[in-house]
Amino acid sequence: MEKILNTYEATAADGSSVTVYEVQESENAGVMESPDRKEGGIKRMQLSDGRPLKMVGERQFKVDGTDEAFLLDRPYRP
């Protein structure tokens, strides 16, 4: 199950605004004492439509596998 950790507004090269999500996959880490316990997995950035992003600069991201770039309106600190 994915958990949204944070949202960021970003600007595309054409000037349009998009929402970027910082998400983390929850992994089942249950044991006999607490079988429903979840631990966080790897964090990643994605667009609201689910396309994964790759960090290419301090506030700059590209859609993975393309040249479609976005600039966050505020700094991202992983």
PDB file of N, CA and C in Angstrom:
ATOM      1  N   MET A   1       0.837  -1.173   0.000  1.00  0.00           N
ATOM      2  CA  MET A   1       0.000   0.000   0.000  1.00  0.00           C
ATOM      3  C   MET A   1       0.888   1.244   0.000  1.00  0.00           C
ATOM      4  N   GLU A   2       0.568   2.189  -0.840  1.00  0.00           N
ATOM      5  CA  GLU A   2       1.348   3.427  -0.927  1.00  0.00           C
ATOM      6  C   GLU A   2       0.826   4.463   0.062  1.00  0.00           C
ATOM      7  N   LYS A   3       1.755   5.230   0.599  1.00  0.00           N
ATOM      8  CA  LYS A   3       1.407   6.321   1.494  1.00  0.00           C
ATOM      9  C   LYS A   3       1.985   7.603   0.914  1.00  0.00           C
ATOM     10  N   ILE A   4       1.172   8.647   0.786  1.00  0.00           N
ATOM     11  CA  ILE A   4       1.650   9.942   0.309  1.00  0.00           C
ATOM     12  C   ILE A   4       2.281  10.665   1.494  1.00  0.00           C
ATOM     13  N   LEU A   5       3.574  10.972   1.377  1.00  0.00           N
ATOM     14  CA  LEU A   5       4.300  11.644   2.445  1.00  0.00           C
ATOM     15  C   LEU A   5       4.232  13.154   2.339  1.00  0.00           C
ATOM     16  N   ASN A   6       4.208  13.658   1.095  1.00  0.00           N
ATOM     17  CA  ASN A   6       4.245  15.099   0.881  1.00  0.00           C
ATOM     18  C   ASN A   6       3.774  15.400  -0.534  1.00  0.00           C
ATOM     19  N   THR A   7       3.303  16.607  -0.748  1.00  0.00           N
ATOM     20  CA  THR A   7       2.963  17.057  -2.097  1.00  0.00           C
ATOM     21  C   THR A   7       3.710  18.354  -2.385  1.00  0.00           C
ATOM     22  N   TYR A   8       4.033  18.546  -3.651  1.00  0.00           N
ATOM     23  CA  TYR A   8       4.757  19.731  -4.106  1.00  0.00           C
ATOM     24  C   TYR A   8       4.085  20.243  -5.361  1.00  0.00           C
ATOM     25  N   GLU A   9       4.049  21.546  -5.513  1.00  0.00           N
ATOM     26  CA  GLU A   9       3.626  22.144  -6.773  1.00  0.00           C
ATOM     27  C   GLU A   9       4.880  22.315  -7.623  1.00  0.00           C
ATOM     28  N   ALA A  10       4.741  22.079  -8.916  1.00  0.00           N
ATOM     29  CA  ALA A  10       5.872  22.196  -9.832  1.00  0.00           C
ATOM     30  C   ALA A  10       5.403  22.851 -11.119  1.00  0.00           C
ATOM     31  N   THR A  11       6.360  23.384 -11.853  1.00  0.00           N
ATOM     32  CA  THR A  11       6.077  24.035 -13.126  1.00  0.00           C
ATOM     33  C   THR A  11       6.746  23.257 -14.239  1.00  0.00           C
ATOM     34  N   ALA A  12       5.986  22.968 -15.292  1.00  0.00           N
ATOM     35  CA  ALA A  12       6.514  22.284 -16.475  1.00  0.00           C
ATOM     36  C   ALA A  12       7.200  23.296 -17.382  1.00  0.00           C
ATOM     37  N   ALA A  13       7.938  22.808 -18.358  1.00  0.00           N
ATOM     38  CA  ALA A  13       8.658  23.678 -19.296  1.00  0.00           C
ATOM     39  C   ALA A  13       7.712  24.602 -20.061  1.00  0.00           C
ATOM     40  N   ASP A  14       6.463  24.147 -20.284  1.00  0.00           N
ATOM     41  CA  ASP A  14       5.497  24.978 -21.015  1.00  0.00           C
ATOM     42  C   ASP A  14       4.769  25.974 -20.106  1.00  0.00           C
ATOM     43  N   GLY A  15       5.135  26.022 -18.812  1.00  0.00           N
ATOM     44  CA  GLY A  15       4.546  26.961 -17.872  1.00  0.00           C
ATOM     45  C   GLY A  15       3.347  26.435 -17.101  1.00  0.00           C
ATOM     46  N   SER A  16       2.877  25.249 -17.441  1.00  0.00           N
ATOM     47  CA  SER A  16       1.730  24.691 -16.736  1.00  0.00           C
ATOM     48  C   SER A  16       2.148  24.179 -15.352  1.00  0.00           C
ATOM     49  N   SER A  17       1.184  24.152 -14.453  1.00  0.00           N
ATOM     50  CA  SER A  17       1.436  23.685 -13.088  1.00  0.00           C
ATOM     51  C   SER A  17       0.998  22.236 -12.940  1.00  0.00           C
ATOM     52  N   VAL A  18       1.751  21.478 -12.165  1.00  0.00           N
ATOM     53  CA  VAL A  18       1.421  20.086 -11.875  1.00  0.00           C
ATOM     54  C   VAL A  18       1.658  19.828 -10.389  1.00  0.00           C
ATOM     55  N   THR A  19       1.060  18.753  -9.904  1.00  0.00           N
ATOM     56  CA  THR A  19       1.282  18.328  -8.529  1.00  0.00           C
ATOM     57  C   THR A  19       2.199  17.114  -8.548  1.00  0.00           C
ATOM     58  N   VAL A  20       3.234  17.168  -7.696  1.00  0.00           N
ATOM     59  CA  VAL A  20       4.192  16.070  -7.561  1.00  0.00           C
ATOM     60  C   VAL A  20       3.986  15.460  -6.181  1.00  0.00           C
ATOM     61  N   TYR A  21       3.949  14.135  -6.137  1.00  0.00           N
ATOM     62  CA  TYR A  21       3.764  13.421  -4.881  1.00  0.00           C
ATOM     63  C   TYR A  21       5.050  12.717  -4.473  1.00  0.00           C
ATOM     64  N   GLU A  22       5.379  12.815  -3.187  1.00  0.00           N
ATOM     65  CA  GLU A  22       6.438  11.997  -2.604  1.00  0.00           C
ATOM     66  C   GLU A  22       5.709  10.828  -1.948  1.00  0.00           C
ATOM     67  N   VAL A  23       5.943   9.618  -2.435  1.00  0.00           N
ATOM     68  CA  VAL A  23       5.219   8.454  -1.935  1.00  0.00           C
ATOM     69  C   VAL A  23       6.196   7.414  -1.390  1.00  0.00           C
ATOM     70  N   GLN A  24       5.668   6.549  -0.537  1.00  0.00           N
ATOM     71  CA  GLN A  24       6.456   5.479   0.046  1.00  0.00           C
ATOM     72  C   GLN A  24       5.576   4.245   0.104  1.00  0.00           C
ATOM     73  N   GLU A  25       6.111   3.145  -0.346  1.00  0.00           N
ATOM     74  CA  GLU A  25       5.412   1.867  -0.292  1.00  0.00           C
ATOM     75  C   GLU A  25       5.564   1.293   1.103  1.00  0.00           C
ATOM     76  N   SER A  26       4.460   0.903   1.718  1.00  0.00           N
ATOM     77  CA  SER A  26       4.516   0.281   3.045  1.00  0.00           C
ATOM     78  C   SER A  26       4.722  -1.219   2.875  1.00  0.00           C
ATOM     79  N   GLU A  27       5.646  -1.750   3.629  1.00  0.00           N
ATOM     80  CA  GLU A  27       5.931  -3.175   3.584  1.00  0.00           C
ATOM     81  C   GLU A  27       5.447  -3.812   4.872  1.00  0.00           C
ATOM     82  N   ASN A  28       4.870  -4.999   4.755  1.00  0.00           N
ATOM     83  CA  ASN A  28       4.393  -5.704   5.937  1.00  0.00           C
ATOM     84  C   ASN A  28       5.595  -6.181   6.741  1.00  0.00           C
ATOM     85  N   ALA A  29       5.678  -5.727   7.982  1.00  0.00           N
ATOM     86  CA  ALA A  29       6.780  -6.107   8.861  1.00  0.00           C
ATOM     87  C   ALA A  29       6.234  -6.736  10.139  1.00  0.00           C
ATOM     88  N   GLY A  30       5.051  -7.316  10.025  1.00  0.00           N
ATOM     89  CA  GLY A  30       4.386  -7.863  11.196  1.00  0.00           C
ATOM     90  C   GLY A  30       5.110  -9.055  11.797  1.00  0.00           C
ATOM     91  N   VAL A  31       4.957  -9.196  13.082  1.00  0.00           N
ATOM     92  CA  VAL A  31       5.453 -10.349  13.835  1.00  0.00           C
ATOM     93  C   VAL A  31       4.281 -10.854  14.664  1.00  0.00           C
ATOM     94  N   MET A  32       4.470 -11.951  15.356  1.00  0.00           N
ATOM     95  CA  MET A  32       3.376 -12.550  16.125  1.00  0.00           C
ATOM     96  C   MET A  32       2.709 -11.534  17.060  1.00  0.00           C
ATOM     97  N   GLU A  33       3.501 -10.686  17.717  1.00  0.00           N
ATOM     98  CA  GLU A  33       2.954  -9.746  18.692  1.00  0.00           C
ATOM     99  C   GLU A  33       2.127  -8.637  18.050  1.00  0.00           C
ATOM    100  N   SER A  34       2.504  -8.208  16.864  1.00  0.00           N
ATOM    101  CA  SER A  34       1.740  -7.160  16.160  1.00  0.00           C
ATOM    102  C   SER A  34       1.746  -7.463  14.662  1.00  0.00           C
ATOM    103  N   PRO A  35       0.851  -8.326  14.213  1.00  0.00           N
ATOM    104  CA  PRO A  35       0.851  -8.780  12.819  1.00  0.00           C
ATOM    105  C   PRO A  35       0.514  -7.716  11.787  1.00  0.00           C
ATOM    106  N   ASP A  36      -0.082  -6.597  12.206  1.00  0.00           N
ATOM    107  CA  ASP A  36      -0.465  -5.547  11.255  1.00  0.00           C
ATOM    108  C   ASP A  36       0.578  -4.447  11.113  1.00  0.00           C
ATOM    109  N   ARG A  37       1.726  -4.620  11.732  1.00  0.00           N
ATOM    110  CA  ARG A  37       2.771  -3.593  11.690  1.00  0.00           C
ATOM    111  C   ARG A  37       3.283  -3.401  10.263  1.00  0.00           C
ATOM    112  N   LYS A  38       3.465  -2.147   9.891  1.00  0.00           N
ATOM    113  CA  LYS A  38       3.985  -1.800   8.558  1.00  0.00           C
ATOM    114  C   LYS A  38       5.248  -0.980   8.720  1.00  0.00           C
ATOM    115  N   GLU A  39       6.219  -1.207   7.850  1.00  0.00           N
ATOM    116  CA  GLU A  39       7.438  -0.400   7.798  1.00  0.00           C
ATOM    117  C   GLU A  39       7.521   0.259   6.444  1.00  0.00           C
ATOM    118  N   GLY A  40       8.105   1.440   6.440  1.00  0.00           N
ATOM    119  CA  GLY A  40       8.235   2.177   5.192  1.00  0.00           C
ATOM    120  C   GLY A  40       9.284   1.575   4.275  1.00  0.00           C
ATOM    121  N   GLY A  41       8.988   1.579   2.998  1.00  0.00           N
ATOM    122  CA  GLY A  41       9.942   1.135   1.989  1.00  0.00           C
ATOM    123  C   GLY A  41      10.646   2.329   1.377  1.00  0.00           C
ATOM    124  N   ILE A  42      11.074   2.180   0.155  1.00  0.00           N
ATOM    125  CA  ILE A  42      11.802   3.227  -0.555  1.00  0.00           C
ATOM    126  C   ILE A  42      10.855   4.368  -0.931  1.00  0.00           C
ATOM    127  N   LYS A  43      11.323   5.599  -0.747  1.00  0.00           N
ATOM    128  CA  LYS A  43      10.558   6.778  -1.148  1.00  0.00           C
ATOM    129  C   LYS A  43      10.813   7.053  -2.623  1.00  0.00           C
ATOM    130  N   ARG A  44       9.802   7.613  -3.283  1.00  0.00           N
ATOM    131  CA  ARG A  44       9.966   8.011  -4.684  1.00  0.00           C
ATOM    132  C   ARG A  44       9.063   9.197  -4.978  1.00  0.00           C
ATOM    133  N   MET A  45       9.362   9.872  -6.065  1.00  0.00           N
ATOM    134  CA  MET A  45       8.564  11.016  -6.515  1.00  0.00           C
ATOM    135  C   MET A  45       7.793  10.588  -7.760  1.00  0.00           C
ATOM    136  N   GLN A  46       6.558  11.067  -7.853  1.00  0.00           N
ATOM    137  CA  GLN A  46       5.754  10.772  -9.031  1.00  0.00           C
ATOM    138  C   GLN A  46       4.772  11.903  -9.283  1.00  0.00           C
ATOM    139  N   LEU A  47       4.309  11.978 -10.534  1.00  0.00           N
ATOM    140  CA  LEU A  47       3.274  12.948 -10.878  1.00  0.00           C
ATOM    141  C   LEU A  47       1.930  12.439 -10.387  1.00  0.00           C
ATOM    142  N   SER A  48       0.956  13.305 -10.366  1.00  0.00           N
ATOM    143  CA  SER A  48      -0.373  12.914  -9.901  1.00  0.00           C
ATOM    144  C   SER A  48      -0.980  11.806 -10.761  1.00  0.00           C
ATOM    145  N   ASP A  49      -0.519  11.662 -12.004  1.00  0.00           N
ATOM    146  CA  ASP A  49      -1.028  10.590 -12.867  1.00  0.00           C
ATOM    147  C   ASP A  49      -0.242   9.285 -12.698  1.00  0.00           C
ATOM    148  N   GLY A  50       0.720   9.261 -11.760  1.00  0.00           N
ATOM    149  CA  GLY A  50       1.453   8.036 -11.450  1.00  0.00           C
ATOM    150  C   GLY A  50       2.776   7.863 -12.169  1.00  0.00           C
ATOM    151  N   ARG A  51       3.101   8.741 -13.114  1.00  0.00           N
ATOM    152  CA  ARG A  51       4.370   8.598 -13.831  1.00  0.00           C
ATOM    153  C   ARG A  51       5.535   8.896 -12.887  1.00  0.00           C
ATOM    154  N   PRO A  52       6.535   8.002 -12.844  1.00  0.00           N
ATOM    155  CA  PRO A  52       7.670   8.192 -11.933  1.00  0.00           C
ATOM    156  C   PRO A  52       8.604   9.298 -12.393  1.00  0.00           C
ATOM    157  N   LEU A  53       9.189   9.993 -11.417  1.00  0.00           N
ATOM    158  CA  LEU A  53      10.114  11.089 -11.683  1.00  0.00           C
ATOM    159  C   LEU A  53      11.510  10.724 -11.205  1.00  0.00           C
ATOM    160  N   LYS A  54      12.495  11.283 -11.898  1.00  0.00           N
ATOM    161  CA  LYS A  54      13.901  11.097 -11.535  1.00  0.00           C
ATOM    162  C   LYS A  54      14.487  12.471 -11.243  1.00  0.00           C
ATOM    163  N   MET A  55      15.177  12.596 -10.103  1.00  0.00           N
ATOM    164  CA  MET A  55      15.784  13.878  -9.733  1.00  0.00           C
ATOM    165  C   MET A  55      17.002  14.131 -10.614  1.00  0.00           C
ATOM    166  N   VAL A  56      17.066  15.341 -11.210  1.00  0.00           N
ATOM    167  CA  VAL A  56      18.196  15.693 -12.068  1.00  0.00           C
ATOM    168  C   VAL A  56      18.890  16.974 -11.616  1.00  0.00           C
ATOM    169  N   GLY A  57      18.385  17.586 -10.554  1.00  0.00           N
ATOM    170  CA  GLY A  57      18.951  18.811  -9.991  1.00  0.00           C
ATOM    171  C   GLY A  57      18.312  19.066  -8.642  1.00  0.00           C
ATOM    172  N   GLU A  58      18.705  20.163  -8.007  1.00  0.00           N
ATOM    173  CA  GLU A  58      18.214  20.440  -6.655  1.00  0.00           C
ATOM    174  C   GLU A  58      16.690  20.452  -6.564  1.00  0.00           C
ATOM    175  N   ARG A  59      16.029  21.131  -7.484  1.00  0.00           N
ATOM    176  CA  ARG A  59      14.562  21.173  -7.520  1.00  0.00           C
ATOM    177  C   ARG A  59      14.021  20.662  -8.844  1.00  0.00           C
ATOM    178  N   GLN A  60      14.885  20.043  -9.644  1.00  0.00           N
ATOM    179  CA  GLN A  60      14.520  19.635 -10.994  1.00  0.00           C
ATOM    180  C   GLN A  60      14.300  18.128 -11.081  1.00  0.00           C
ATOM    181  N   PHE A  61      13.201  17.767 -11.756  1.00  0.00           N
ATOM    182  CA  PHE A  61      12.853  16.368 -11.963  1.00  0.00           C
ATOM    183  C   PHE A  61      12.476  16.167 -13.417  1.00  0.00           C
ATOM    184  N   LYS A  62      12.705  14.953 -13.917  1.00  0.00           N
ATOM    185  CA  LYS A  62      12.266  14.567 -15.254  1.00  0.00           C
ATOM    186  C   LYS A  62      11.428  13.305 -15.129  1.00  0.00           C
ATOM    187  N   VAL A  63      10.454  13.187 -16.036  1.00  0.00           N
ATOM    188  CA  VAL A  63       9.701  11.945 -16.103  1.00  0.00           C
ATOM    189  C   VAL A  63      10.694  10.873 -16.532  1.00  0.00           C
ATOM    190  N   ASP A  64      10.757   9.797 -15.782  1.00  0.00           N
ATOM    191  CA  ASP A  64      11.724   8.734 -16.035  1.00  0.00           C
ATOM    192  C   ASP A  64      11.613   8.232 -17.473  1.00  0.00           C
ATOM    193  N   GLY A  65      12.712   8.269 -18.195  1.00  0.00           N
ATOM    194  CA  GLY A  65      12.761   7.791 -19.567  1.00  0.00           C
ATOM    195  C   GLY A  65      12.387   8.814 -20.619  1.00  0.00           C
ATOM    196  N   THR A  66      12.118  10.060 -20.230  1.00  0.00           N
ATOM    197  CA  THR A  66      11.766  11.110 -21.191  1.00  0.00           C
ATOM    198  C   THR A  66      12.571  12.371 -20.886  1.00  0.00           C
ATOM    199  N   ASP A  67      12.355  13.406 -21.684  1.00  0.00           N
ATOM    200  CA  ASP A  67      12.975  14.704 -21.432  1.00  0.00           C
ATOM    201  C   ASP A  67      11.976  15.693 -20.841  1.00  0.00           C
ATOM    202  N   GLU A  68      10.792  15.221 -20.450  1.00  0.00           N
ATOM    203  CA  GLU A  68       9.769  16.080 -19.868  1.00  0.00           C
ATOM    204  C   GLU A  68      10.214  16.500 -18.466  1.00  0.00           C
ATOM    205  N   ALA A  69      10.495  17.802 -18.280  1.00  0.00           N
ATOM    206  CA  ALA A  69      11.100  18.297 -17.042  1.00  0.00           C
ATOM    207  C   ALA A  69      10.134  19.159 -16.239  1.00  0.00           C
ATOM    208  N   PHE A  70      10.364  19.168 -14.932  1.00  0.00           N
ATOM    209  CA  PHE A  70       9.554  19.944 -13.996  1.00  0.00           C
ATOM    210  C   PHE A  70      10.465  20.585 -12.961  1.00  0.00           C
ATOM    211  N   LEU A  71      10.097  21.779 -12.510  1.00  0.00           N
ATOM    212  CA  LEU A  71      10.835  22.495 -11.481  1.00  0.00           C
ATOM    213  C   LEU A  71       9.914  22.701 -10.285  1.00  0.00           C
ATOM    214  N   LEU A  72      10.312  22.162  -9.129  1.00  0.00           N
ATOM    215  CA  LEU A  72       9.507  22.328  -7.922  1.00  0.00           C
ATOM    216  C   LEU A  72       9.483  23.785  -7.504  1.00  0.00           C
ATOM    217  N   ASP A  73       8.352  24.225  -6.972  1.00  0.00           N
ATOM    218  CA  ASP A  73       8.211  25.608  -6.524  1.00  0.00           C
ATOM    219  C   ASP A  73       8.937  25.870  -5.204  1.00  0.00           C
ATOM    220  N   ARG A  74       9.248  24.800  -4.462  1.00  0.00           N
ATOM    221  CA  ARG A  74      10.010  24.927  -3.212  1.00  0.00           C
ATOM    222  C   ARG A  74      11.013  23.797  -3.138  1.00  0.00           C
ATOM    223  N   PRO A  75      12.065  23.927  -2.361  1.00  0.00           N
ATOM    224  CA  PRO A  75      13.111  22.905  -2.293  1.00  0.00           C
ATOM    225  C   PRO A  75      12.586  21.556  -1.815  1.00  0.00           C
ATOM    226  N   TYR A  76      13.170  20.504  -2.340  1.00  0.00           N
ATOM    227  CA  TYR A  76      12.888  19.131  -1.926  1.00  0.00           C
ATOM    228  C   TYR A  76      14.060  18.640  -1.094  1.00  0.00           C
ATOM    229  N   ARG A  77      13.775  18.178   0.088  1.00  0.00           N
ATOM    230  CA  ARG A  77      14.827  17.649   0.968  1.00  0.00           C
ATOM    231  C   ARG A  77      14.469  16.219   1.336  1.00  0.00           C
ATOM    232  N   PRO A  78      15.091  15.248   0.677  1.00  0.00           N
ATOM    233  CA  PRO A  78      14.765  13.834   0.958  1.00  0.00           C
ATOM    234  C   PRO A  78      15.121  13.411   2.374  1.00  0.00           C
TER     235      PRO A  78
END
